[in-house]
Amino acid sequence: MLRTQHFFENPDSPGNVFTDIDDNRARQLLHQEKFDAFYLFNVIGGKSWKIDRKMYLGFFASVNNVFNKTYKTGGFEQARNTNYRELNNDTADGTPSFGSKYYYGYGRNYYINVYLNF
């Protein structure tokens, strides 16, 4: 409801908008966060050997996020302060009581597969 007309409506007087809205401050409060761009370095490889006419031994391995980079993959805003006055009061000191919540990608992880085909 944060990015709907409800944001500007006064809950004490349903159907009426707040009269003390500062358009610049409203734009600032409704500004959506953009995450920083990032790159991940992954290593993937494998090898197989022919043991006899019909038998193969092999392995496959991958290491993802080799440099163990921390990165945000998504998130959500708290929906507790859903109108202009509440959100403006909550963020007035620079630290909102109900800040955004984030999802983070996996750190370094790996996978190893050894197989025998016969």
Protein backbone atom coordinates (compact mmCIF):
# COMPACT_ATOMS: atom_id res chain seq x y z
CA MET A 1 0.00 0.00 0.00
CA LEU A 2 3.06 2.20 0.24
CA ARG A 3 3.08 3.05 -3.46
CA THR A 4 -0.65 3.56 -3.87
CA GLN A 5 -2.99 6.48 -3.31
CA HIS A 6 -3.49 5.15 0.25
CA PHE A 7 -0.02 6.55 1.10
CA PHE A 8 -1.41 10.10 0.85
CA GLU A 9 -4.73 9.44 2.61
CA ASN A 10 -5.24 10.52 6.21
CA PRO A 11 -6.40 7.46 8.22
CA ASP A 12 -8.09 9.79 10.76
CA SER A 13 -10.24 11.22 7.98
CA PRO A 14 -10.88 8.45 5.40
CA GLY A 15 -11.08 9.67 1.83
CA ASN A 16 -9.19 12.90 2.59
CA VAL A 17 -5.52 13.40 1.79
CA PHE A 18 -2.95 14.92 4.12
CA THR A 19 -2.74 18.69 3.71
CA ASP A 20 0.88 19.02 4.90
CA ILE A 21 2.53 16.87 2.19
CA ASP A 22 5.89 18.06 0.88
CA ASP A 23 6.19 16.66 -2.66
CA ASN A 24 9.99 16.44 -2.51
CA ARG A 25 9.89 14.61 0.82
CA ALA A 26 7.18 12.25 -0.50
CA ARG A 27 9.36 11.45 -3.54
CA GLN A 28 12.30 10.84 -1.20
CA LEU A 29 10.24 8.51 1.02
CA LEU A 30 8.89 6.55 -1.96
CA HIS A 31 12.24 6.25 -3.75
CA GLN A 32 13.01 2.60 -4.45
CA GLU A 33 16.46 1.33 -3.60
CA LYS A 34 18.62 0.09 -6.46
CA PHE A 35 21.16 -2.60 -5.62
CA ASP A 36 24.79 -2.30 -6.67
CA ALA A 37 25.88 -4.31 -9.69
CA PHE A 38 28.12 -7.28 -9.00
CA TYR A 39 30.03 -10.05 -10.74
CA LEU A 40 30.64 -13.57 -9.53
CA PHE A 41 33.57 -15.77 -10.53
CA ASN A 42 32.70 -19.45 -11.00
CA VAL A 43 34.99 -22.35 -11.98
CA ILE A 44 33.58 -25.46 -13.65
CA GLY A 45 35.37 -28.45 -15.10
CA GLY A 46 35.63 -32.16 -15.42
CA LYS A 47 37.61 -35.02 -16.85
CA SER A 48 36.94 -38.61 -17.84
CA TRP A 49 39.20 -41.56 -18.61
CA LYS A 50 38.49 -44.64 -20.67
CA ILE A 51 39.49 -47.63 -18.55
CA ASP A 52 38.66 -50.37 -21.06
CA ARG A 53 36.38 -50.81 -24.10
CA LYS A 54 33.14 -49.97 -22.25
CA MET A 55 34.19 -48.48 -18.90
CA TYR A 56 34.79 -44.82 -18.05
CA LEU A 57 35.86 -43.17 -14.81
CA GLY A 58 35.33 -39.45 -14.43
CA PHE A 59 34.67 -36.49 -12.23
CA PHE A 60 32.95 -33.15 -12.53
CA ALA A 61 33.47 -30.23 -10.16
CA SER A 62 32.30 -26.67 -9.80
CA VAL A 63 33.10 -23.87 -7.39
CA ASN A 64 30.65 -20.98 -7.37
CA ASN A 65 31.37 -17.50 -5.99
CA VAL A 66 35.09 -18.29 -5.75
CA PHE A 67 35.93 -14.96 -4.07
CA ASN A 68 33.12 -15.38 -1.51
CA LYS A 69 31.45 -12.09 -2.47
CA THR A 70 28.49 -10.91 -0.36
CA TYR A 71 25.65 -9.62 -2.54
CA LYS A 72 21.96 -8.78 -2.25
CA THR A 73 19.59 -10.73 -4.44
CA GLY A 74 16.34 -9.10 -3.35
CA GLY A 75 14.35 -7.91 -0.42
CA PHE A 76 11.20 -6.23 0.76
CA GLU A 77 10.08 -3.13 2.60
CA GLN A 78 8.30 -3.31 5.91
CA ALA A 79 4.61 -2.47 5.54
CA ARG A 80 4.03 -1.12 9.05
CA ASN A 81 4.17 2.55 8.14
CA THR A 82 1.95 2.82 5.11
CA ASN A 83 1.07 6.49 4.99
CA TYR A 84 3.02 9.69 4.53
CA ARG A 85 2.85 10.93 8.13
CA GLU A 86 3.85 7.59 9.75
CA LEU A 87 6.76 6.98 7.37
CA ASN A 88 7.97 10.57 7.61
CA ASN A 89 7.98 10.41 11.43
CA ASP A 90 9.67 7.00 11.44
CA THR A 91 12.53 8.12 9.18
CA ALA A 92 12.97 11.64 10.62
CA ASP A 93 16.06 10.69 12.67
CA GLY A 94 17.72 8.88 9.73
CA THR A 95 17.25 5.38 11.15
CA PRO A 96 13.84 3.85 10.46
CA SER A 97 12.40 1.55 13.12
CA PHE A 98 11.17 -0.82 10.45
CA GLY A 99 13.85 -0.78 7.74
CA SER A 100 14.08 -2.92 4.63
CA LYS A 101 14.82 -6.64 4.83
CA TYR A 102 17.22 -8.22 2.33
CA TYR A 103 17.96 -11.61 0.81
CA TYR A 104 21.60 -12.44 0.22
CA GLY A 105 23.18 -14.83 -2.27
CA TYR A 106 25.18 -17.86 -1.24
CA GLY A 107 28.81 -17.48 -0.34
CA ARG A 108 31.43 -19.77 -1.84
CA ASN A 109 30.01 -23.22 -2.49
CA TYR A 110 31.17 -26.26 -4.38
CA TYR A 111 29.99 -29.47 -5.98
CA ILE A 112 32.03 -32.58 -6.82
CA ASN A 113 30.74 -35.61 -8.69
CA VAL A 114 32.75 -38.80 -9.30
CA TYR A 115 31.27 -41.42 -11.58
CA LEU A 116 31.96 -44.81 -13.10
CA ASN A 117 30.17 -45.80 -16.33
CA PHE A 118 30.20 -49.46 -17.29
